[in-house]
Each structure stands twice: as C-alpha cells, then as structure tokens.
All heavy atoms as atom14 arrays in JSON, in Angstrom:
{
  "sequence": "VAMGTDSAEEIQSYISNHPWPFDHVANAGETIFTI",
  "atom14_mask": [
    [1, 1, 1, 1, 1, 1, 1, 0, 0, 0, 0, 0, 0, 0],
    [1, 1, 1, 1, 1, 0, 0, 0, 0, 0, 0, 0, 0, 0],
    [1, 1, 1, 1, 1, 1, 1, 1, 0, 0, 0, 0, 0, 0],
    [1, 1, 1, 1, 0, 0, 0, 0, 0, 0, 0, 0, 0, 0],
    [1, 1, 1, 1, 1, 1, 1, 0, 0, 0, 0, 0, 0, 0],
    [1, 1, 1, 1, 1, 1, 1, 1, 0, 0, 0, 0, 0, 0],
    [1, 1, 1, 1, 1, 1, 0, 0, 0, 0, 0, 0, 0, 0],
    [1, 1, 1, 1, 1, 0, 0, 0, 0, 0, 0, 0, 0, 0],
    [1, 1, 1, 1, 1, 1, 1, 1, 1, 0, 0, 0, 0, 0],
    [1, 1, 1, 1, 1, 1, 1, 1, 1, 0, 0, 0, 0, 0],
    [1, 1, 1, 1, 1, 1, 1, 1, 0, 0, 0, 0, 0, 0],
    [1, 1, 1, 1, 1, 1, 1, 1, 1, 0, 0, 0, 0, 0],
    [1, 1, 1, 1, 1, 1, 0, 0, 0, 0, 0, 0, 0, 0],
    [1, 1, 1, 1, 1, 1, 1, 1, 1, 1, 1, 1, 0, 0],
    [1, 1, 1, 1, 1, 1, 1, 1, 0, 0, 0, 0, 0, 0],
    [1, 1, 1, 1, 1, 1, 0, 0, 0, 0, 0, 0, 0, 0],
    [1, 1, 1, 1, 1, 1, 1, 1, 0, 0, 0, 0, 0, 0],
    [1, 1, 1, 1, 1, 1, 1, 1, 1, 1, 0, 0, 0, 0],
    [1, 1, 1, 1, 1, 1, 1, 0, 0, 0, 0, 0, 0, 0],
    [1, 1, 1, 1, 1, 1, 1, 1, 1, 1, 1, 1, 1, 1],
    [1, 1, 1, 1, 1, 1, 1, 0, 0, 0, 0, 0, 0, 0],
    [1, 1, 1, 1, 1, 1, 1, 1, 1, 1, 1, 0, 0, 0],
    [1, 1, 1, 1, 1, 1, 1, 1, 0, 0, 0, 0, 0, 0],
    [1, 1, 1, 1, 1, 1, 1, 1, 1, 1, 0, 0, 0, 0],
    [1, 1, 1, 1, 1, 1, 1, 0, 0, 0, 0, 0, 0, 0],
    [1, 1, 1, 1, 1, 0, 0, 0, 0, 0, 0, 0, 0, 0],
    [1, 1, 1, 1, 1, 1, 1, 1, 0, 0, 0, 0, 0, 0],
    [1, 1, 1, 1, 1, 0, 0, 0, 0, 0, 0, 0, 0, 0],
    [1, 1, 1, 1, 0, 0, 0, 0, 0, 0, 0, 0, 0, 0],
    [1, 1, 1, 1, 1, 1, 1, 1, 1, 0, 0, 0, 0, 0],
    [1, 1, 1, 1, 1, 1, 1, 0, 0, 0, 0, 0, 0, 0],
    [1, 1, 1, 1, 1, 1, 1, 1, 0, 0, 0, 0, 0, 0],
    [1, 1, 1, 1, 1, 1, 1, 1, 1, 1, 1, 0, 0, 0],
    [1, 1, 1, 1, 1, 1, 1, 0, 0, 0, 0, 0, 0, 0],
    [1, 1, 1, 1, 1, 1, 1, 1, 0, 0, 0, 0, 0, 0]
  ],
  "atom14_positions": [
    [[-19.76, -0.75, -10.68], [-19.28, 0.52, -10.15], [-18.77, 0.23, -8.74], [-19.51, -0.28, -7.9], [-20.38, 1.59, -10.1], [-19.86, 2.87, -9.47], [-20.95, 1.85, -11.48], [0.0, 0.0, 0.0], [0.0, 0.0, 0.0], [0.0, 0.0, 0.0], [0.0, 0.0, 0.0], [0.0, 0.0, 0.0], [0.0, 0.0, 0.0], [0.0, 0.0, 0.0]],
    [[-17.51, 0.53, -8.48], [-16.93, 0.32, -7.16], [-17.05, 1.6, -6.35], [-16.84, 2.69, -6.86], [-15.46, -0.06, -7.29], [0.0, 0.0, 0.0], [0.0, 0.0, 0.0], [0.0, 0.0, 0.0], [0.0, 0.0, 0.0], [0.0, 0.0, 0.0], [0.0, 0.0, 0.0], [0.0, 0.0, 0.0], [0.0, 0.0, 0.0], [0.0, 0.0, 0.0]],
    [[-17.4, 1.44, -5.09], [-17.43, 2.57, -4.16], [-16.49, 2.2, -3.03], [-16.62, 1.13, -2.43], [-18.83, 2.8, -3.62], [-19.83, 3.18, -4.68], [-21.47, 3.41, -4.0], [-21.24, 4.94, -3.13], [0.0, 0.0, 0.0], [0.0, 0.0, 0.0], [0.0, 0.0, 0.0], [0.0, 0.0, 0.0], [0.0, 0.0, 0.0], [0.0, 0.0, 0.0]],
    [[-15.55, 3.07, -2.75], [-14.59, 2.77, -1.7], [-14.22, 4.0, -0.9], [-14.56, 5.12, -1.26], [0.0, 0.0, 0.0], [0.0, 0.0, 0.0], [0.0, 0.0, 0.0], [0.0, 0.0, 0.0], [0.0, 0.0, 0.0], [0.0, 0.0, 0.0], [0.0, 0.0, 0.0], [0.0, 0.0, 0.0], [0.0, 0.0, 0.0], [0.0, 0.0, 0.0]],
    [[-13.51, 3.76, 0.16], [-13.07, 4.87, 1.01], [-11.69, 5.38, 0.61], [-11.22, 6.37, 1.16], [-13.04, 4.42, 2.49], [-12.18, 3.29, 2.61], [-14.44, 4.06, 2.97], [0.0, 0.0, 0.0], [0.0, 0.0, 0.0], [0.0, 0.0, 0.0], [0.0, 0.0, 0.0], [0.0, 0.0, 0.0], [0.0, 0.0, 0.0], [0.0, 0.0, 0.0]],
    [[-11.07, 4.74, -0.37], [-9.75, 5.17, -0.82], [-9.83, 6.52, -1.53], [-10.85, 6.87, -2.12], [-9.16, 4.15, -1.8], [-8.99, 2.78, -1.18], [-8.49, 2.7, -0.05], [-9.37, 1.8, -1.83], [0.0, 0.0, 0.0], [0.0, 0.0, 0.0], [0.0, 0.0, 0.0], [0.0, 0.0, 0.0], [0.0, 0.0, 0.0], [0.0, 0.0, 0.0]],
    [[-8.72, 7.24, -1.49], [-8.65, 8.52, -2.19], [-8.48, 8.28, -3.7], [-8.09, 7.19, -4.12], [-7.46, 9.34, -1.69], [-6.24, 8.75, -2.11], [0.0, 0.0, 0.0], [0.0, 0.0, 0.0], [0.0, 0.0, 0.0], [0.0, 0.0, 0.0], [0.0, 0.0, 0.0], [0.0, 0.0, 0.0], [0.0, 0.0, 0.0], [0.0, 0.0, 0.0]],
    [[-8.75, 9.3, -4.47], [-8.58, 9.2, -5.93], [-7.12, 8.88, -6.27], [-6.86, 8.11, -7.19], [-9.02, 10.5, -6.6], [0.0, 0.0, 0.0], [0.0, 0.0, 0.0], [0.0, 0.0, 0.0], [0.0, 0.0, 0.0], [0.0, 0.0, 0.0], [0.0, 0.0, 0.0], [0.0, 0.0, 0.0], [0.0, 0.0, 0.0], [0.0, 0.0, 0.0]],
    [[-6.19, 9.43, -5.51], [-4.76, 9.17, -5.75], [-4.42, 7.7, -5.49], [-3.67, 7.09, -6.24], [-3.89, 10.08, -4.88], [-4.0, 11.54, -5.23], [-5.24, 12.23, -4.64], [-5.86, 11.71, -3.69], [-5.6, 13.29, -5.17], [0.0, 0.0, 0.0], [0.0, 0.0, 0.0], [0.0, 0.0, 0.0], [0.0, 0.0, 0.0], [0.0, 0.0, 0.0]],
    [[-4.96, 7.14, -4.41], [-4.71, 5.73, -4.09], [-5.28, 4.82, -5.18], [-4.65, 3.85, -5.59], [-5.31, 5.36, -2.74], [-4.6, 5.99, -1.57], [-5.35, 5.83, -0.27], [-6.57, 6.12, -0.22], [-4.71, 5.41, 0.72], [0.0, 0.0, 0.0], [0.0, 0.0, 0.0], [0.0, 0.0, 0.0], [0.0, 0.0, 0.0], [0.0, 0.0, 0.0]],
    [[-6.47, 5.16, -5.65], [-7.1, 4.37, -6.71], [-6.29, 4.46, -7.99], [-6.01, 3.45, -8.63], [-8.55, 4.84, -6.94], [-9.4, 4.53, -5.71], [-9.14, 4.19, -8.19], [-10.73, 5.23, -5.68], [0.0, 0.0, 0.0], [0.0, 0.0, 0.0], [0.0, 0.0, 0.0], [0.0, 0.0, 0.0], [0.0, 0.0, 0.0], [0.0, 0.0, 0.0]],
    [[-5.88, 5.66, -8.36], [-5.08, 5.84, -9.58], [-3.77, 5.08, -9.49], [-3.33, 4.47, -10.46], [-4.83, 7.32, -9.85], [-4.21, 7.59, -11.2], [-5.04, 7.05, -12.35], [-6.26, 7.17, -12.38], [-4.39, 6.43, -13.31], [0.0, 0.0, 0.0], [0.0, 0.0, 0.0], [0.0, 0.0, 0.0], [0.0, 0.0, 0.0], [0.0, 0.0, 0.0]],
    [[-3.15, 5.09, -8.33], [-1.91, 4.36, -8.14], [-2.13, 2.86, -8.35], [-1.32, 2.19, -9.0], [-1.37, 4.61, -6.73], [-0.23, 3.82, -6.48], [0.0, 0.0, 0.0], [0.0, 0.0, 0.0], [0.0, 0.0, 0.0], [0.0, 0.0, 0.0], [0.0, 0.0, 0.0], [0.0, 0.0, 0.0], [0.0, 0.0, 0.0], [0.0, 0.0, 0.0]],
    [[-3.23, 2.34, -7.83], [-3.52, 0.91, -7.98], [-3.8, 0.57, -9.44], [-3.23, -0.37, -9.99], [-4.71, 0.5, -7.11], [-5.05, -0.96, -7.3], [-4.33, -1.94, -6.64], [-6.05, -1.35, -8.19], [-4.6, -3.29, -6.84], [-6.33, -2.69, -8.4], [-5.61, -3.65, -7.72], [-5.88, -4.97, -7.94], [0.0, 0.0, 0.0], [0.0, 0.0, 0.0]],
    [[-4.68, 1.34, -10.09], [-5.06, 0.97, -11.45], [-3.96, 1.24, -12.47], [-4.01, 0.71, -13.57], [-6.4, 1.61, -11.9], [-6.33, 3.13, -11.9], [-7.54, 1.12, -11.04], [-7.57, 3.79, -12.43], [0.0, 0.0, 0.0], [0.0, 0.0, 0.0], [0.0, 0.0, 0.0], [0.0, 0.0, 0.0], [0.0, 0.0, 0.0], [0.0, 0.0, 0.0]],
    [[-2.95, 2.01, -12.1], [-1.83, 2.18, -13.02], [-1.05, 0.88, -13.17], [-0.38, 0.67, -14.18], [-0.91, 3.31, -12.55], [-0.24, 2.96, -11.36], [0.0, 0.0, 0.0], [0.0, 0.0, 0.0], [0.0, 0.0, 0.0], [0.0, 0.0, 0.0], [0.0, 0.0, 0.0], [0.0, 0.0, 0.0], [0.0, 0.0, 0.0], [0.0, 0.0, 0.0]],
    [[-1.15, -0.01, -12.19], [-0.46, -1.3, -12.23], [-1.39, -2.49, -12.45], [-0.91, -3.6, -12.69], [0.32, -1.52, -10.93], [1.42, -0.51, -10.75], [2.19, -0.26, -11.66], [1.47, 0.1, -9.58], [0.0, 0.0, 0.0], [0.0, 0.0, 0.0], [0.0, 0.0, 0.0], [0.0, 0.0, 0.0], [0.0, 0.0, 0.0], [0.0, 0.0, 0.0]],
    [[-2.69, -2.28, -12.3], [-3.67, -3.36, -12.43], [-4.85, -2.85, -13.28], [-5.54, -1.92, -12.87], [-4.2, -3.79, -11.06], [-3.12, -4.22, -10.12], [-2.43, -3.33, -9.32], [-2.59, -5.43, -9.88], [-1.54, -4.0, -8.61], [-1.61, -5.27, -8.93], [0.0, 0.0, 0.0], [0.0, 0.0, 0.0], [0.0, 0.0, 0.0], [0.0, 0.0, 0.0]],
    [[-5.09, -3.46, -14.43], [-6.21, -3.01, -15.27], [-7.53, -3.01, -14.5], [-7.83, -3.96, -13.78], [-6.23, -4.03, -16.41], [-4.86, -4.61, -16.43], [-4.38, -4.6, -15.0], [0.0, 0.0, 0.0], [0.0, 0.0, 0.0], [0.0, 0.0, 0.0], [0.0, 0.0, 0.0], [0.0, 0.0, 0.0], [0.0, 0.0, 0.0], [0.0, 0.0, 0.0]],
    [[-8.29, -1.97, -14.66], [-9.57, -1.81, -13.95], [-10.56, -1.19, -14.93], [-10.63, 0.03, -15.07], [-9.37, -0.89, -12.74], [-10.6, -0.65, -11.94], [-11.5, 0.36, -12.09], [-11.06, -1.43, -10.84], [-12.49, 0.26, -11.17], [-12.24, -0.83, -10.39], [-10.6, -2.57, -10.21], [-12.97, -1.34, -9.32], [-11.31, -3.07, -9.15], [-12.48, -2.46, -8.71]],
    [[-11.36, -1.99, -15.62], [-12.24, -1.47, -16.66], [-13.59, -0.96, -16.13], [-14.57, -0.94, -16.84], [-12.44, -2.69, -17.56], [-12.39, -3.84, -16.61], [-11.36, -3.45, -15.57], [0.0, 0.0, 0.0], [0.0, 0.0, 0.0], [0.0, 0.0, 0.0], [0.0, 0.0, 0.0], [0.0, 0.0, 0.0], [0.0, 0.0, 0.0], [0.0, 0.0, 0.0]],
    [[-13.65, -0.56, -14.86], [-14.9, -0.15, -14.25], [-14.76, 1.25, -13.65], [-13.67, 1.72, -13.39], [-15.3, -1.11, -13.13], [-15.24, -2.56, -13.51], [-14.28, -3.39, -12.99], [-16.14, -3.08, -14.42], [-14.22, -4.73, -13.34], [-16.09, -4.41, -14.79], [-15.12, -5.24, -14.25], [0.0, 0.0, 0.0], [0.0, 0.0, 0.0], [0.0, 0.0, 0.0]],
    [[-15.89, 1.87, -13.38], [-15.88, 3.16, -12.7], [-15.64, 2.94, -11.22], [-16.03, 1.91, -10.65], [-17.23, 3.87, -12.89], [-17.47, 4.27, -14.33], [-16.49, 4.64, -15.02], [-18.62, 4.22, -14.78], [0.0, 0.0, 0.0], [0.0, 0.0, 0.0], [0.0, 0.0, 0.0], [0.0, 0.0, 0.0], [0.0, 0.0, 0.0], [0.0, 0.0, 0.0]],
    [[-15.01, 3.9, -10.6], [-14.74, 3.8, -9.17], [-15.05, 5.14, -8.52], [-14.56, 6.17, -8.97], [-13.27, 3.44, -8.91], [-13.03, 2.99, -7.51], [-12.7, 1.7, -7.21], [-13.09, 3.64, -6.34], [-12.57, 1.57, -5.91], [-12.78, 2.75, -5.36], [0.0, 0.0, 0.0], [0.0, 0.0, 0.0], [0.0, 0.0, 0.0], [0.0, 0.0, 0.0]],
    [[-15.85, 5.13, -7.49], [-16.18, 6.33, -6.74], [-15.21, 6.41, -5.56], [-15.23, 5.54, -4.68], [-17.65, 6.3, -6.25], [-17.97, 7.56, -5.45], [-18.6, 6.13, -7.42], [0.0, 0.0, 0.0], [0.0, 0.0, 0.0], [0.0, 0.0, 0.0], [0.0, 0.0, 0.0], [0.0, 0.0, 0.0], [0.0, 0.0, 0.0], [0.0, 0.0, 0.0]],
    [[-14.36, 7.41, -5.57], [-13.37, 7.58, -4.5], [-13.97, 8.35, -3.33], [-14.99, 9.04, -3.48], [-12.15, 8.33, -5.05], [0.0, 0.0, 0.0], [0.0, 0.0, 0.0], [0.0, 0.0, 0.0], [0.0, 0.0, 0.0], [0.0, 0.0, 0.0], [0.0, 0.0, 0.0], [0.0, 0.0, 0.0], [0.0, 0.0, 0.0], [0.0, 0.0, 0.0]],
    [[-13.35, 8.23, -2.19], [-13.77, 8.98, -1.0], [-15.26, 8.84, -0.73], [-15.94, 9.81, -0.41], [-13.39, 10.45, -1.15], [-11.91, 10.66, -1.33], [-11.11, 10.11, -0.58], [-11.52, 11.42, -2.34], [0.0, 0.0, 0.0], [0.0, 0.0, 0.0], [0.0, 0.0, 0.0], [0.0, 0.0, 0.0], [0.0, 0.0, 0.0], [0.0, 0.0, 0.0]],
    [[-15.77, 7.63, -0.87], [-17.22, 7.4, -0.75], [-17.64, 6.97, 0.66], [-18.72, 6.43, 0.85], [-17.66, 6.35, -1.77], [0.0, 0.0, 0.0], [0.0, 0.0, 0.0], [0.0, 0.0, 0.0], [0.0, 0.0, 0.0], [0.0, 0.0, 0.0], [0.0, 0.0, 0.0], [0.0, 0.0, 0.0], [0.0, 0.0, 0.0], [0.0, 0.0, 0.0]],
    [[-16.8, 7.22, 1.64], [-17.1, 6.81, 3.01], [-18.43, 7.34, 3.51], [-19.22, 6.6, 4.12], [0.0, 0.0, 0.0], [0.0, 0.0, 0.0], [0.0, 0.0, 0.0], [0.0, 0.0, 0.0], [0.0, 0.0, 0.0], [0.0, 0.0, 0.0], [0.0, 0.0, 0.0], [0.0, 0.0, 0.0], [0.0, 0.0, 0.0], [0.0, 0.0, 0.0]],
    [[-18.74, 8.6, 3.27], [-20.0, 9.17, 3.73], [-21.19, 8.46, 3.08], [-22.16, 8.13, 3.75], [-20.07, 10.67, 3.45], [-21.35, 11.28, 3.97], [-21.41, 12.78, 3.8], [-20.36, 13.42, 3.56], [-22.51, 13.32, 3.9], [0.0, 0.0, 0.0], [0.0, 0.0, 0.0], [0.0, 0.0, 0.0], [0.0, 0.0, 0.0], [0.0, 0.0, 0.0]],
    [[-21.09, 8.21, 1.79], [-22.16, 7.49, 1.1], [-22.31, 6.09, 1.65], [-23.42, 5.63, 1.93], [-21.87, 7.43, -0.42], [-21.75, 8.76, -0.92], [-22.97, 6.7, -1.17], [0.0, 0.0, 0.0], [0.0, 0.0, 0.0], [0.0, 0.0, 0.0], [0.0, 0.0, 0.0], [0.0, 0.0, 0.0], [0.0, 0.0, 0.0], [0.0, 0.0, 0.0]],
    [[-21.21, 5.39, 1.83], [-21.24, 4.01, 2.3], [-21.81, 3.92, 3.71], [-22.7, 3.11, 3.99], [-19.82, 3.4, 2.26], [-19.34, 3.27, 0.81], [-19.79, 2.04, 2.96], [-17.85, 2.97, 0.67], [0.0, 0.0, 0.0], [0.0, 0.0, 0.0], [0.0, 0.0, 0.0], [0.0, 0.0, 0.0], [0.0, 0.0, 0.0], [0.0, 0.0, 0.0]],
    [[-21.31, 4.76, 4.61], [-21.66, 4.63, 6.02], [-22.9, 5.42, 6.43], [-23.66, 4.99, 7.29], [-20.48, 5.02, 6.9], [-19.26, 4.19, 6.64], [-18.1, 4.76, 6.17], [-19.28, 2.82, 6.85], [-16.97, 3.98, 5.91], [-18.16, 2.03, 6.6], [-17.01, 2.61, 6.13], [0.0, 0.0, 0.0], [0.0, 0.0, 0.0], [0.0, 0.0, 0.0]],
    [[-23.14, 6.58, 5.8], [-24.25, 7.43, 6.21], [-25.51, 7.17, 5.38], [-26.58, 6.95, 5.92], [-23.86, 8.91, 6.11], [-22.68, 9.11, 6.89], [-24.97, 9.8, 6.62], [0.0, 0.0, 0.0], [0.0, 0.0, 0.0], [0.0, 0.0, 0.0], [0.0, 0.0, 0.0], [0.0, 0.0, 0.0], [0.0, 0.0, 0.0], [0.0, 0.0, 0.0]],
    [[-25.37, 7.16, 4.08], [-26.55, 6.99, 3.22], [-26.99, 5.54, 3.16], [-28.14, 5.21, 3.4], [-26.29, 7.56, 1.82], [-26.07, 9.08, 1.92], [-27.44, 7.23, 0.87], [-25.64, 9.75, 0.65], [0.0, 0.0, 0.0], [0.0, 0.0, 0.0], [0.0, 0.0, 0.0], [0.0, 0.0, 0.0], [0.0, 0.0, 0.0], [0.0, 0.0, 0.0]]
  ]
}
C-alpha cells in the first residue's frame, strides 16, 4: 500500500501510463507527517 502526498488526480495520471497493481492512499501528508 503506497501512501503519498500526491493528489488523486496526479496518481491517476501516473498510473494511466504505468501499471500499478497496488492500492495508493492519496493526499496522505497529514498521516505521514503528523500521525
């Protein structure tokens, strides 16, 4: 499971060109930095 600070739109744009068979949590900055 990937957690990143990218927006859902940025992630979708990337995976439309690169296969990504995993879950991705978008906009996870608060989780990454605070929690």
